[in-house]
Amino acid sequence: VRPDFAPALVVYLLQFMVIDMMLSLGFLHWPLVSPNYFHRVDRVLWRWNWSVPAKTANTTLLLVLLLVAPVAVATVVAVVQLAVKVWSAHRMLTIAAAGQTCSPD
């Protein structure tokens, strides 16, 4: 319906359907019930990906920007979100490779 939204949406869908999916399933490496408990493994990753502000920024921010801001702004935000997700995936893989366990918290 709005082809001009394509740059922002392509970047967003890439990070959401590929990188974020890997992150969201990464908790399975540890004895956790869901990614909402990832703070037991790494509080920084949890804060940037599964805390309430992070979840809000990850899903709502881009959609709101597409409605109220130029597409270029939304695309920049989508690229920043992608960078955060790539950094998070790298950090999670590093933690897993180091054999870090979760706290009993």
Protein backbone atom coordinates (compact mmCIF):
# COMPACT_ATOMS: atom_id res chain seq x y z
CA VAL A 1 0.00 0.00 0.00
CA ARG A 2 2.87 2.39 0.82
CA PRO A 3 5.93 1.41 -1.26
CA ASP A 4 7.82 4.40 0.14
CA PHE A 5 7.87 2.58 3.52
CA ALA A 6 9.85 -0.31 1.98
CA PRO A 7 13.38 0.72 3.08
CA ALA A 8 12.42 0.99 6.75
CA LEU A 9 10.23 -2.10 6.69
CA VAL A 10 12.80 -4.28 4.91
CA VAL A 11 15.45 -3.43 7.51
CA TYR A 12 12.96 -3.91 10.35
CA LEU A 13 11.72 -7.25 9.04
CA LEU A 14 15.30 -8.47 8.55
CA GLN A 15 16.22 -7.69 12.13
CA PHE A 16 12.90 -8.91 13.55
CA MET A 17 12.52 -12.15 11.59
CA VAL A 18 16.16 -13.23 11.56
CA ILE A 19 18.33 -11.65 14.26
CA ASP A 20 15.62 -11.04 16.87
CA MET A 21 14.23 -14.55 16.37
CA MET A 22 17.66 -16.01 17.07
CA LEU A 23 17.97 -13.85 20.17
CA SER A 24 14.48 -14.74 21.36
CA LEU A 25 15.24 -18.45 21.06
CA GLY A 26 18.74 -18.10 22.52
CA PHE A 27 17.39 -18.47 26.06
CA LEU A 28 16.95 -22.18 25.28
CA HIS A 29 20.71 -22.59 25.75
CA TRP A 30 20.20 -21.92 29.47
CA PRO A 31 17.68 -23.37 31.95
CA LEU A 32 15.30 -20.43 31.56
CA VAL A 33 11.54 -20.41 31.01
CA SER A 34 11.60 -17.52 28.52
CA PRO A 35 13.79 -14.61 27.39
CA ASN A 36 12.01 -12.51 30.03
CA TYR A 37 14.32 -14.20 32.56
CA PHE A 38 17.53 -13.54 30.63
CA HIS A 39 18.62 -11.08 33.31
CA ARG A 40 19.78 -14.20 35.17
CA VAL A 41 22.39 -14.74 32.47
CA ASP A 42 23.23 -11.19 31.39
CA ARG A 43 21.49 -8.10 32.69
CA VAL A 44 22.81 -5.88 29.85
CA LEU A 45 21.35 -8.11 27.13
CA TRP A 46 18.07 -8.36 29.01
CA ARG A 47 17.89 -4.57 29.44
CA TRP A 48 18.51 -3.92 25.71
CA ASN A 49 16.19 -6.64 24.40
CA TRP A 50 13.52 -7.85 26.84
CA SER A 51 12.90 -5.14 29.41
CA VAL A 52 9.62 -3.23 28.98
CA PRO A 53 11.31 -0.15 27.41
CA ALA A 54 13.30 -2.37 25.04
CA LYS A 55 10.22 -4.30 23.92
CA THR A 56 8.36 -1.05 23.37
CA ALA A 57 11.19 0.51 21.38
CA ASN A 58 11.65 -2.65 19.33
CA THR A 59 8.06 -2.95 18.20
CA THR A 60 6.24 0.34 18.57
CA LEU A 61 8.85 3.00 17.85
CA LEU A 62 9.30 2.23 14.15
CA LEU A 63 5.59 1.95 13.49
CA VAL A 64 4.91 5.30 15.16
CA LEU A 65 7.75 6.91 13.24
CA LEU A 66 6.38 5.62 9.95
CA LEU A 67 3.13 7.40 10.74
CA VAL A 68 4.53 10.72 11.96
CA ALA A 69 8.07 11.15 10.59
CA PRO A 70 9.79 11.03 7.21
CA VAL A 71 10.63 7.54 5.98
CA ALA A 72 14.33 8.40 6.16
CA VAL A 73 14.06 8.90 9.93
CA ALA A 74 12.25 5.58 10.34
CA THR A 75 14.90 3.87 8.20
CA VAL A 76 17.71 5.28 10.35
CA VAL A 77 15.94 4.03 13.47
CA ALA A 78 15.48 0.60 11.86
CA VAL A 79 19.21 0.47 11.05
CA VAL A 80 20.06 1.41 14.66
CA GLN A 81 17.72 -1.33 15.89
CA LEU A 82 19.43 -3.78 13.54
CA ALA A 83 22.84 -2.75 14.89
CA VAL A 84 21.66 -3.28 18.48
CA LYS A 85 20.32 -6.73 17.57
CA VAL A 86 23.55 -7.73 15.79
CA TRP A 87 25.57 -6.54 18.79
CA SER A 88 23.21 -8.44 21.11
CA ALA A 89 23.51 -11.63 19.06
CA HIS A 90 27.30 -11.38 19.15
CA ARG A 91 27.25 -10.83 22.90
CA MET A 92 24.89 -13.79 23.43
CA LEU A 93 27.05 -16.09 21.31
CA THR A 94 30.15 -14.96 23.22
CA ILE A 95 28.46 -15.64 26.55
CA ALA A 96 27.27 -19.07 25.38
CA ALA A 97 30.72 -19.98 24.04
CA ALA A 98 32.29 -18.99 27.36
CA GLY A 99 29.97 -21.41 29.12
CA GLN A 100 28.45 -18.77 31.38
CA THR A 101 25.60 -20.13 33.49
CA CYS A 102 22.60 -18.33 34.90
CA SER A 103 22.26 -17.10 38.45
CA PRO A 104 19.67 -18.74 40.69
CA ASP A 105 17.93 -15.35 41.14
